[in-house]
PDB file of N, CA and C in Angstrom:
ATOM      1  N   MET A   1       0.809  -1.144  -0.013  1.00  0.00           N
ATOM      2  CA  MET A   1       0.015  -0.013   0.004  1.00  0.00           C
ATOM      3  C   MET A   1       0.842   1.281   0.043  1.00  0.00           C
ATOM      4  N   ILE A   2       0.632   2.177  -0.846  1.00  0.00           N
ATOM      5  CA  ILE A   2       1.303   3.328  -1.004  1.00  0.00           C
ATOM      6  C   ILE A   2       0.838   4.457  -0.226  1.00  0.00           C
ATOM      7  N   ARG A   3       1.536   5.027   0.715  1.00  0.00           N
ATOM      8  CA  ARG A   3       1.031   6.155   1.574  1.00  0.00           C
ATOM      9  C   ARG A   3       1.039   7.451   0.786  1.00  0.00           C
ATOM     10  N   PRO A   4       0.230   8.321   1.149  1.00  0.00           N
ATOM     11  CA  PRO A   4       0.241   9.730   0.608  1.00  0.00           C
ATOM     12  C   PRO A   4       1.512  10.354   1.082  1.00  0.00           C
ATOM     13  N   PRO A   5       2.077  11.378   0.446  1.00  0.00           N
ATOM     14  CA  PRO A   5       3.245  11.967   0.797  1.00  0.00           C
ATOM     15  C   PRO A   5       3.055  12.838   2.075  1.00  0.00           C
ATOM     16  N   ALA A   6       4.104  12.942   2.828  1.00  0.00           N
ATOM     17  CA  ALA A   6       4.013  13.713   4.079  1.00  0.00           C
ATOM     18  C   ALA A   6       3.808  15.138   3.789  1.00  0.00           C
ATOM     19  N   ALA A   7       3.136  15.844   4.706  1.00  0.00           N
ATOM     20  CA  ALA A   7       2.798  17.257   4.499  1.00  0.00           C
ATOM     21  C   ALA A   7       4.065  18.104   4.263  1.00  0.00           C
ATOM     22  N   LYS A   8       5.165  17.714   4.849  1.00  0.00           N
ATOM     23  CA  LYS A   8       6.432  18.469   4.737  1.00  0.00           C
ATOM     24  C   LYS A   8       6.977  18.214   3.322  1.00  0.00           C
ATOM     25  N   VAL A   9       6.794  17.097   2.755  1.00  0.00           N
ATOM     26  CA  VAL A   9       7.216  16.857   1.440  1.00  0.00           C
ATOM     27  C   VAL A   9       6.420  17.665   0.391  1.00  0.00           C
ATOM     28  N   VAL A  10       5.180  17.675   0.587  1.00  0.00           N
ATOM     29  CA  VAL A  10       4.273  18.472  -0.288  1.00  0.00           C
ATOM     30  C   VAL A  10       4.696  20.004  -0.169  1.00  0.00           C
ATOM     31  N   ARG A  11       4.898  20.479   1.084  1.00  0.00           N
ATOM     32  CA  ARG A  11       5.250  21.961   1.225  1.00  0.00           C
ATOM     33  C   ARG A  11       6.626  22.110   0.569  1.00  0.00           C
ATOM     34  N   SER A  12       7.463  21.227   0.712  1.00  0.00           N
ATOM     35  CA  SER A  12       8.870  21.354   0.193  1.00  0.00           C
ATOM     36  C   SER A  12       8.883  21.422  -1.398  1.00  0.00           C
ATOM     37  N   ALA A  13       8.079  20.495  -1.997  1.00  0.00           N
ATOM     38  CA  ALA A  13       7.929  20.602  -3.355  1.00  0.00           C
ATOM     39  C   ALA A  13       7.298  21.877  -3.936  1.00  0.00           C
ATOM     40  N   ALA A  14       6.303  22.345  -3.204  1.00  0.00           N
ATOM     41  CA  ALA A  14       5.747  23.725  -3.562  1.00  0.00           C
ATOM     42  C   ALA A  14       6.839  24.816  -3.378  1.00  0.00           C
ATOM     43  N   THR A  15       7.663  24.746  -2.447  1.00  0.00           N
ATOM     44  CA  THR A  15       8.634  25.803  -2.216  1.00  0.00           C
ATOM     45  C   THR A  15       9.734  25.693  -3.280  1.00  0.00           C
ATOM     46  N   ILE A  16      10.120  24.464  -3.549  1.00  0.00           N
ATOM     47  CA  ILE A  16      11.146  24.239  -4.610  1.00  0.00           C
ATOM     48  C   ILE A  16      10.579  24.838  -5.923  1.00  0.00           C
ATOM     49  N   GLY A  17       9.384  24.453  -6.231  1.00  0.00           N
ATOM     50  CA  GLY A  17       8.743  24.827  -7.487  1.00  0.00           C
ATOM     51  C   GLY A  17       8.624  26.338  -7.608  1.00  0.00           C
ATOM     52  N   GLU A  18       8.247  26.920  -6.467  1.00  0.00           N
ATOM     53  CA  GLU A  18       8.197  28.437  -6.489  1.00  0.00           C
ATOM     54  C   GLU A  18       9.544  29.089  -6.653  1.00  0.00           C
ATOM     55  N   GLN A  19      10.594  28.459  -6.034  1.00  0.00           N
ATOM     56  CA  GLN A  19      11.937  29.030  -6.130  1.00  0.00           C
ATOM     57  C   GLN A  19      12.485  28.766  -7.609  1.00  0.00           C
ATOM     58  N   LEU A  20      12.214  27.759  -8.256  1.00  0.00           N
ATOM     59  CA  LEU A  20      12.677  27.564  -9.630  1.00  0.00           C
ATOM     60  C   LEU A  20      11.905  28.497 -10.506  1.00  0.00           C
ATOM     61  N   GLY A  21      10.648  28.764 -10.230  1.00  0.00           N
ATOM     62  CA  GLY A  21       9.896  29.773 -11.059  1.00  0.00           C
ATOM     63  C   GLY A  21      10.552  31.157 -10.817  1.00  0.00           C
ATOM     64  N   ALA A  22      10.935  31.518  -9.673  1.00  0.00           N
ATOM     65  CA  ALA A  22      11.590  32.792  -9.290  1.00  0.00           C
ATOM     66  C   ALA A  22      12.928  32.943 -10.074  1.00  0.00           C
ATOM     67  N   TRP A  23      13.652  31.783 -10.095  1.00  0.00           N
ATOM     68  CA  TRP A  23      14.977  31.785 -10.838  1.00  0.00           C
ATOM     69  C   TRP A  23      14.618  32.074 -12.330  1.00  0.00           C
ATOM     70  N   ARG A  24      13.567  31.379 -12.898  1.00  0.00           N
ATOM     71  CA  ARG A  24      13.308  31.620 -14.349  1.00  0.00           C
ATOM     72  C   ARG A  24      12.814  32.984 -14.564  1.00  0.00           C
ATOM     73  N   ARG A  25      12.076  33.651 -13.739  1.00  0.00           N
ATOM     74  CA  ARG A  25      11.608  35.052 -13.902  1.00  0.00           C
ATOM     75  C   ARG A  25      12.775  36.018 -13.723  1.00  0.00           C
ATOM     76  N   LEU A  26      13.644  35.755 -12.701  1.00  0.00           N
ATOM     77  CA  LEU A  26      14.806  36.613 -12.518  1.00  0.00           C
ATOM     78  C   LEU A  26      15.714  36.652 -13.746  1.00  0.00           C
ATOM     79  N   GLN A  27      15.808  35.558 -14.454  1.00  0.00           N
ATOM     80  CA  GLN A  27      16.586  35.548 -15.719  1.00  0.00           C
ATOM     81  C   GLN A  27      15.826  35.993 -16.918  1.00  0.00           C
ATOM     82  N   GLY A  28      14.563  36.375 -16.753  1.00  0.00           N
ATOM     83  CA  GLY A  28      13.805  36.871 -17.875  1.00  0.00           C
ATOM     84  C   GLY A  28      13.393  35.969 -18.904  1.00  0.00           C
ATOM     85  N   LEU A  29      13.198  34.652 -18.441  1.00  0.00           N
ATOM     86  CA  LEU A  29      12.934  33.528 -19.275  1.00  0.00           C
ATOM     87  C   LEU A  29      11.488  33.158 -19.200  1.00  0.00           C
ATOM     88  N   THR A  30      10.961  32.731 -20.337  1.00  0.00           N
ATOM     89  CA  THR A  30       9.533  32.215 -20.340  1.00  0.00           C
ATOM     90  C   THR A  30       9.548  30.843 -20.048  1.00  0.00           C
ATOM     91  N   ALA A  31       8.367  30.264 -19.502  1.00  0.00           N
ATOM     92  CA  ALA A  31       8.394  28.898 -19.427  1.00  0.00           C
ATOM     93  C   ALA A  31       8.612  28.044 -20.625  1.00  0.00           C
ATOM     94  N   GLN A  32       8.244  28.561 -21.760  1.00  0.00           N
ATOM     95  CA  GLN A  32       8.543  27.856 -22.982  1.00  0.00           C
ATOM     96  C   GLN A  32      10.038  27.788 -23.330  1.00  0.00           C
ATOM     97  N   GLN A  33      10.824  28.847 -23.064  1.00  0.00           N
ATOM     98  CA  GLN A  33      12.206  28.896 -23.227  1.00  0.00           C
ATOM     99  C   GLN A  33      12.922  27.959 -22.349  1.00  0.00           C
ATOM    100  N   VAL A  34      12.526  27.878 -21.143  1.00  0.00           N
ATOM    101  CA  VAL A  34      13.095  26.903 -20.012  1.00  0.00           C
ATOM    102  C   VAL A  34      12.807  25.542 -20.511  1.00  0.00           C
ATOM    103  N   ALA A  35      11.601  25.310 -20.953  1.00  0.00           N
ATOM    104  CA  ALA A  35      11.168  23.933 -21.448  1.00  0.00           C
ATOM    105  C   ALA A  35      11.995  23.503 -22.646  1.00  0.00           C
ATOM    106  N   GLU A  36      12.312  24.340 -23.552  1.00  0.00           N
ATOM    107  CA  GLU A  36      13.186  24.030 -24.657  1.00  0.00           C
ATOM    108  C   GLU A  36      14.594  23.696 -24.268  1.00  0.00           C
ATOM    109  N   ARG A  37      15.104  24.563 -23.410  1.00  0.00           N
ATOM    110  CA  ARG A  37      16.404  24.236 -22.900  1.00  0.00           C
ATOM    111  C   ARG A  37      16.651  23.079 -22.088  1.00  0.00           C
ATOM    112  N   ALA A  38      15.656  22.672 -21.416  1.00  0.00           N
ATOM    113  CA  ALA A  38      15.586  21.466 -20.488  1.00  0.00           C
ATOM    114  C   ALA A  38      15.167  20.214 -21.281  1.00  0.00           C
ATOM    115  N   GLY A  39      14.594  20.357 -22.513  1.00  0.00           N
ATOM    116  CA  GLY A  39      14.145  19.151 -23.287  1.00  0.00           C
ATOM    117  C   GLY A  39      12.893  18.592 -22.688  1.00  0.00           C
ATOM    118  N   VAL A  40      11.999  19.435 -22.221  1.00  0.00           N
ATOM    119  CA  VAL A  40      10.770  18.941 -21.593  1.00  0.00           C
ATOM    120  C   VAL A  40       9.605  19.817 -22.156  1.00  0.00           C
ATOM    121  N   GLY A  41       8.420  19.402 -21.933  1.00  0.00           N
ATOM    122  CA  GLY A  41       7.244  20.182 -22.348  1.00  0.00           C
ATOM    123  C   GLY A  41       7.034  21.488 -21.447  1.00  0.00           C
ATOM    124  N   ARG A  42       6.237  22.362 -22.010  1.00  0.00           N
ATOM    125  CA  ARG A  42       5.931  23.597 -21.212  1.00  0.00           C
ATOM    126  C   ARG A  42       5.056  23.205 -20.083  1.00  0.00           C
ATOM    127  N   ALA A  43       4.186  22.243 -20.189  1.00  0.00           N
ATOM    128  CA  ALA A  43       3.233  21.664 -19.081  1.00  0.00           C
ATOM    129  C   ALA A  43       4.063  21.190 -17.959  1.00  0.00           C
ATOM    130  N   THR A  44       5.270  20.653 -18.288  1.00  0.00           N
ATOM    131  CA  THR A  44       6.042  20.116 -17.291  1.00  0.00           C
ATOM    132  C   THR A  44       6.684  21.199 -16.335  1.00  0.00           C
ATOM    133  N   ILE A  45       7.033  22.280 -17.037  1.00  0.00           N
ATOM    134  CA  ILE A  45       7.466  23.507 -16.256  1.00  0.00           C
ATOM    135  C   ILE A  45       6.407  23.967 -15.326  1.00  0.00           C
ATOM    136  N   THR A  46       5.244  24.073 -15.849  1.00  0.00           N
ATOM    137  CA  THR A  46       4.037  24.486 -15.018  1.00  0.00           C
ATOM    138  C   THR A  46       3.879  23.669 -13.775  1.00  0.00           C
ATOM    139  N   LYS A  47       3.944  22.313 -14.094  1.00  0.00           N
ATOM    140  CA  LYS A  47       3.846  21.352 -13.052  1.00  0.00           C
ATOM    141  C   LYS A  47       4.967  21.540 -11.954  1.00  0.00           C
ATOM    142  N   ILE A  48       6.136  21.615 -12.447  1.00  0.00           N
ATOM    143  CA  ILE A  48       7.340  21.813 -11.515  1.00  0.00           C
ATOM    144  C   ILE A  48       7.063  23.027 -10.647  1.00  0.00           C
ATOM    145  N   GLU A  49       6.803  24.086 -11.274  1.00  0.00           N
ATOM    146  CA  GLU A  49       6.634  25.389 -10.589  1.00  0.00           C
ATOM    147  C   GLU A  49       5.375  25.395  -9.576  1.00  0.00           C
ATOM    148  N   ALA A  50       4.449  24.463  -9.793  1.00  0.00           N
ATOM    149  CA  ALA A  50       3.312  24.283  -8.961  1.00  0.00           C
ATOM    150  C   ALA A  50       3.522  23.237  -7.853  1.00  0.00           C
ATOM    151  N   GLY A  51       4.796  22.639  -7.906  1.00  0.00           N
ATOM    152  CA  GLY A  51       5.161  21.714  -6.878  1.00  0.00           C
ATOM    153  C   GLY A  51       4.489  20.313  -7.095  1.00  0.00           C
ATOM    154  N   ASP A  52       4.167  19.885  -8.211  1.00  0.00           N
ATOM    155  CA  ASP A  52       3.484  18.667  -8.678  1.00  0.00           C
ATOM    156  C   ASP A  52       4.488  17.530  -8.314  1.00  0.00           C
ATOM    157  N   LEU A  53       4.157  16.673  -7.398  1.00  0.00           N
ATOM    158  CA  LEU A  53       5.058  15.622  -6.984  1.00  0.00           C
ATOM    159  C   LEU A  53       5.087  14.385  -8.095  1.00  0.00           C
ATOM    160  N   GLY A  54       4.271  14.501  -9.002  1.00  0.00           N
ATOM    161  CA  GLY A  54       4.213  13.498 -10.100  1.00  0.00           C
ATOM    162  C   GLY A  54       5.335  13.657 -11.202  1.00  0.00           C
ATOM    163  N   VAL A  55       5.923  14.915 -11.279  1.00  0.00           N
ATOM    164  CA  VAL A  55       6.870  15.183 -12.215  1.00  0.00           C
ATOM    165  C   VAL A  55       8.193  14.314 -11.965  1.00  0.00           C
ATOM    166  N   GLY A  56       8.778  13.756 -12.953  1.00  0.00           N
ATOM    167  CA  GLY A  56       9.983  12.881 -12.783  1.00  0.00           C
ATOM    168  C   GLY A  56      11.214  13.755 -12.234  1.00  0.00           C
ATOM    169  N   PHE A  57      11.980  12.988 -11.477  1.00  0.00           N
ATOM    170  CA  PHE A  57      13.157  13.597 -10.945  1.00  0.00           C
ATOM    171  C   PHE A  57      14.124  14.097 -11.985  1.00  0.00           C
ATOM    172  N   GLY A  58      14.344  13.416 -13.055  1.00  0.00           N
ATOM    173  CA  GLY A  58      15.199  13.736 -14.207  1.00  0.00           C
ATOM    174  C   GLY A  58      14.652  15.102 -14.778  1.00  0.00           C
ATOM    175  N   ALA A  59      13.344  15.283 -14.867  1.00  0.00           N
ATOM    176  CA  ALA A  59      12.807  16.599 -15.396  1.00  0.00           C
ATOM    177  C   ALA A  59      13.143  17.765 -14.533  1.00  0.00           C
ATOM    178  N   VAL A  60      12.977  17.577 -13.287  1.00  0.00           N
ATOM    179  CA  VAL A  60      13.290  18.619 -12.330  1.00  0.00           C
ATOM    180  C   VAL A  60      14.844  19.040 -12.400  1.00  0.00           C
ATOM    181  N   LEU A  61      15.645  17.955 -12.469  1.00  0.00           N
ATOM    182  CA  LEU A  61      17.022  18.229 -12.544  1.00  0.00           C
ATOM    183  C   LEU A  61      17.481  18.913 -13.951  1.00  0.00           C
ATOM    184  N   ALA A  62      16.698  18.523 -15.012  1.00  0.00           N
ATOM    185  CA  ALA A  62      16.895  19.135 -16.238  1.00  0.00           C
ATOM    186  C   ALA A  62      16.628  20.618 -16.294  1.00  0.00           C
ATOM    187  N   VAL A  63      15.626  20.947 -15.596  1.00  0.00           N
ATOM    188  CA  VAL A  63      15.040  22.390 -15.508  1.00  0.00           C
ATOM    189  C   VAL A  63      16.060  23.149 -14.622  1.00  0.00           C
ATOM    190  N   ALA A  64      16.537  22.429 -13.537  1.00  0.00           N
ATOM    191  CA  ALA A  64      17.555  23.123 -12.636  1.00  0.00           C
ATOM    192  C   ALA A  64      18.826  23.437 -13.506  1.00  0.00           C
ATOM    193  N   ARG A  65      19.170  22.485 -14.319  1.00  0.00           N
ATOM    194  CA  ARG A  65      20.350  22.666 -15.234  1.00  0.00           C
ATOM    195  C   ARG A  65      20.191  23.938 -16.193  1.00  0.00           C
ATOM    196  N   ALA A  66      18.953  23.932 -16.782  1.00  0.00           N
ATOM    197  CA  ALA A  66      18.543  24.929 -17.768  1.00  0.00           C
ATOM    198  C   ALA A  66      18.615  26.382 -17.107  1.00  0.00           C
ATOM    199  N   LEU A  67      18.364  26.371 -15.841  1.00  0.00           N
ATOM    200  CA  LEU A  67      18.280  27.591 -14.894  1.00  0.00           C
ATOM    201  C   LEU A  67      19.698  27.946 -14.316  1.00  0.00           C
ATOM    202  N   ASP A  68      20.583  27.052 -14.621  1.00  0.00           N
ATOM    203  CA  ASP A  68      22.088  27.224 -14.020  1.00  0.00           C
ATOM    204  C   ASP A  68      21.994  27.053 -12.538  1.00  0.00           C
ATOM    205  N   VAL A  69      21.154  26.261 -11.954  1.00  0.00           N
ATOM    206  CA  VAL A  69      21.121  26.114 -10.476  1.00  0.00           C
ATOM    207  C   VAL A  69      21.486  24.671 -10.047  1.00  0.00           C
ATOM    208  N   LEU A  70      21.698  23.728 -11.040  1.00  0.00           N
ATOM    209  CA  LEU A  70      21.875  22.415 -10.682  1.00  0.00           C
ATOM    210  C   LEU A  70      23.029  22.103  -9.692  1.00  0.00           C
ATOM    211  N   ASP A  71      24.114  22.870  -9.974  1.00  0.00           N
ATOM    212  CA  ASP A  71      25.232  22.724  -9.057  1.00  0.00           C
ATOM    213  C   ASP A  71      24.910  23.151  -7.558  1.00  0.00           C
ATOM    214  N   ARG A  72      24.037  24.110  -7.450  1.00  0.00           N
ATOM    215  CA  ARG A  72      23.640  24.462  -6.088  1.00  0.00           C
ATOM    216  C   ARG A  72      22.803  23.346  -5.423  1.00  0.00           C
ATOM    217  N   ILE A  73      22.007  22.568  -6.137  1.00  0.00           N
ATOM    218  CA  ILE A  73      21.323  21.496  -5.495  1.00  0.00           C
ATOM    219  C   ILE A  73      22.202  20.397  -5.249  1.00  0.00           C
ATOM    220  N   VAL A  74      23.160  20.099  -6.168  1.00  0.00           N
ATOM    221  CA  VAL A  74      24.192  19.025  -5.783  1.00  0.00           C
ATOM    222  C   VAL A  74      25.002  19.347  -4.545  1.00  0.00           C
ATOM    223  N   THR A  75      25.441  20.619  -4.381  1.00  0.00           N
ATOM    224  CA  THR A  75      26.180  21.062  -3.330  1.00  0.00           C
ATOM    225  C   THR A  75      25.262  20.982  -2.030  1.00  0.00           C
ATOM    226  N   ALA A  76      24.094  21.391  -2.197  1.00  0.00           N
ATOM    227  CA  ALA A  76      23.155  21.371  -0.940  1.00  0.00           C
ATOM    228  C   ALA A  76      22.907  19.999  -0.405  1.00  0.00           C
ATOM    229  N   THR A  77      23.035  19.000  -1.259  1.00  0.00           N
ATOM    230  CA  THR A  77      22.811  17.555  -0.879  1.00  0.00           C
ATOM    231  C   THR A  77      24.025  16.776  -0.541  1.00  0.00           C
ATOM    232  N   ASP A  78      25.199  17.474  -0.695  1.00  0.00           N
ATOM    233  CA  ASP A  78      26.399  16.862  -0.433  1.00  0.00           C
ATOM    234  C   ASP A  78      26.699  16.660   1.122  1.00  0.00           C
ATOM    235  N   PRO A  79      26.814  15.462   1.660  1.00  0.00           N
ATOM    236  CA  PRO A  79      26.961  15.252   3.048  1.00  0.00           C
ATOM    237  C   PRO A  79      28.320  15.868   3.625  1.00  0.00           C
ATOM    238  N   TYR A  80      29.260  15.892   2.676  1.00  0.00           N
ATOM    239  CA  TYR A  80      30.521  16.332   3.078  1.00  0.00           C
ATOM    240  C   TYR A  80      30.634  17.865   3.264  1.00  0.00           C
ATOM    241  N   GLU A  81      29.468  18.515   2.907  1.00  0.00           N
ATOM    242  CA  GLU A  81      29.458  19.964   3.108  1.00  0.00           C
ATOM    243  C   GLU A  81      28.825  20.272   4.411  1.00  0.00           C
ATOM    244  N   THR A  82      28.702  19.135   5.288  1.00  0.00           N
ATOM    245  CA  THR A  82      28.106  19.444   6.659  1.00  0.00           C
ATOM    246  C   THR A  82      29.140  19.080   7.663  1.00  0.00           C
ATOM    247  N   ASP A  83      29.043  19.648   8.821  1.00  0.00           N
ATOM    248  CA  ASP A  83      29.856  19.172   9.925  1.00  0.00           C
ATOM    249  C   ASP A  83      29.761  17.762  10.297  1.00  0.00           C
ATOM    250  N   LEU A  84      28.571  17.310  10.285  1.00  0.00           N
ATOM    251  CA  LEU A  84      28.343  15.727  10.568  1.00  0.00           C
ATOM    252  C   LEU A  84      28.928  14.925   9.536  1.00  0.00           C
ATOM    253  N   GLY A  85      28.776  15.241   8.263  1.00  0.00           N
ATOM    254  CA  GLY A  85      29.403  14.377   7.261  1.00  0.00           C
ATOM    255  C   GLY A  85      30.811  14.395   7.285  1.00  0.00           C
ATOM    256  N   ARG A  86      31.424  15.612   7.541  1.00  0.00           N
ATOM    257  CA  ARG A  86      32.860  15.594   7.602  1.00  0.00           C
ATOM    258  C   ARG A  86      33.434  14.771   8.851  1.00  0.00           C
ATOM    259  N   ALA A  87      32.724  14.932   9.950  1.00  0.00           N
ATOM    260  CA  ALA A  87      33.144  14.248  11.073  1.00  0.00           C
ATOM    261  C   ALA A  87      32.980  12.755  11.053  1.00  0.00           C
ATOM    262  N   ARG A  88      31.903  12.247  10.385  1.00  0.00           N
ATOM    263  CA  ARG A  88      31.688  10.825  10.386  1.00  0.00           C
ATOM    264  C   ARG A  88      32.343  10.218   9.151  1.00  0.00           C
ATOM    265  N   ALA A  89      32.916  10.856   8.193  1.00  0.00           N
ATOM    266  CA  ALA A  89      33.458  10.270   6.997  1.00  0.00           C
ATOM    267  C   ALA A  89      34.519   9.253   7.290  1.00  0.00           C
ATOM    268  N   ASP A  90      35.393   9.538   8.218  1.00  0.00           N
ATOM    269  CA  ASP A  90      36.396   8.519   8.578  1.00  0.00           C
ATOM    270  C   ASP A  90      35.858   7.390   9.294  1.00  0.00           C
ATOM    271  N   GLN A  91      34.782   7.498   9.937  1.00  0.00           N
ATOM    272  CA  GLN A  91      34.189   6.378  10.687  1.00  0.00           C
ATOM    273  C   GLN A  91      33.406   5.487   9.876  1.00  0.00           C
ATOM    274  N   ILE A  92      32.857   6.002   8.823  1.00  0.00           N
ATOM    275  CA  ILE A  92      31.905   5.111   8.013  1.00  0.00           C
ATOM    276  C   ILE A  92      32.430   4.584   6.712  1.00  0.00           C
ATOM    277  N   LEU A  93      33.254   5.398   5.991  1.00  0.00           N
ATOM    278  CA  LEU A  93      33.648   5.040   4.730  1.00  0.00           C
ATOM    279  C   LEU A  93      34.907   4.047   4.925  1.00  0.00           C
ATOM    280  N   PRO A  94      35.028   3.179   3.921  1.00  0.00           N
ATOM    281  CA  PRO A  94      36.191   2.150   4.034  1.00  0.00           C
ATOM    282  C   PRO A  94      37.472   3.000   3.739  1.00  0.00           C
ATOM    283  N   LYS A  95      38.582   2.439   4.365  1.00  0.00           N
ATOM    284  CA  LYS A  95      39.855   3.044   4.215  1.00  0.00           C
ATOM    285  C   LYS A  95      40.420   2.896   2.827  1.00  0.00           C
ATOM    286  N   ARG A  96      40.095   1.797   2.132  1.00  0.00           N
ATOM    287  CA  ARG A  96      40.594   1.447   0.798  1.00  0.00           C
ATOM    288  C   ARG A  96      39.610   0.526   0.140  1.00  0.00           C
ATOM    289  N   VAL A  97      39.678   0.584  -1.100  1.00  0.00           N
ATOM    290  CA  VAL A  97      38.743  -0.269  -1.893  1.00  0.00           C
ATOM    291  C   VAL A  97      39.552  -1.321  -2.558  1.00  0.00           C
ATOM    292  N   ARG A  98      39.069  -2.650  -2.454  1.00  0.00           N
ATOM    293  CA  ARG A  98      39.908  -3.765  -3.075  1.00  0.00           C
ATOM    294  C   ARG A  98      39.435  -3.874  -4.455  1.00  0.00           C
ATOM    295  N   SER A  99      40.472  -4.290  -5.205  1.00  0.00           N
ATOM    296  CA  SER A  99      40.171  -4.525  -6.766  1.00  0.00           C
ATOM    297  C   SER A  99      39.632  -5.958  -6.969  1.00  0.00           C
TER     298      SER A  99
END
């Protein structure tokens, strides 16, 4: 049985969609222009900006790339950019990889 998404997930999707829309507008781009650059349909842009959870992850990342914010997303999710990640890296990761 599939559970409905948590309220925080729904709110976060809406916020991310709003922020991607703000990035688009700040750059003076239309939804159609971003859609063409990202290789998705204009309707997909509308869905992403509305926080639609049914949009594929790849489409969201393609739009982020088209808006030149993909690197920010990658950095934001990098565990080694946090104090905890740096502190635990030596404890969790193997010292060497065997061939």
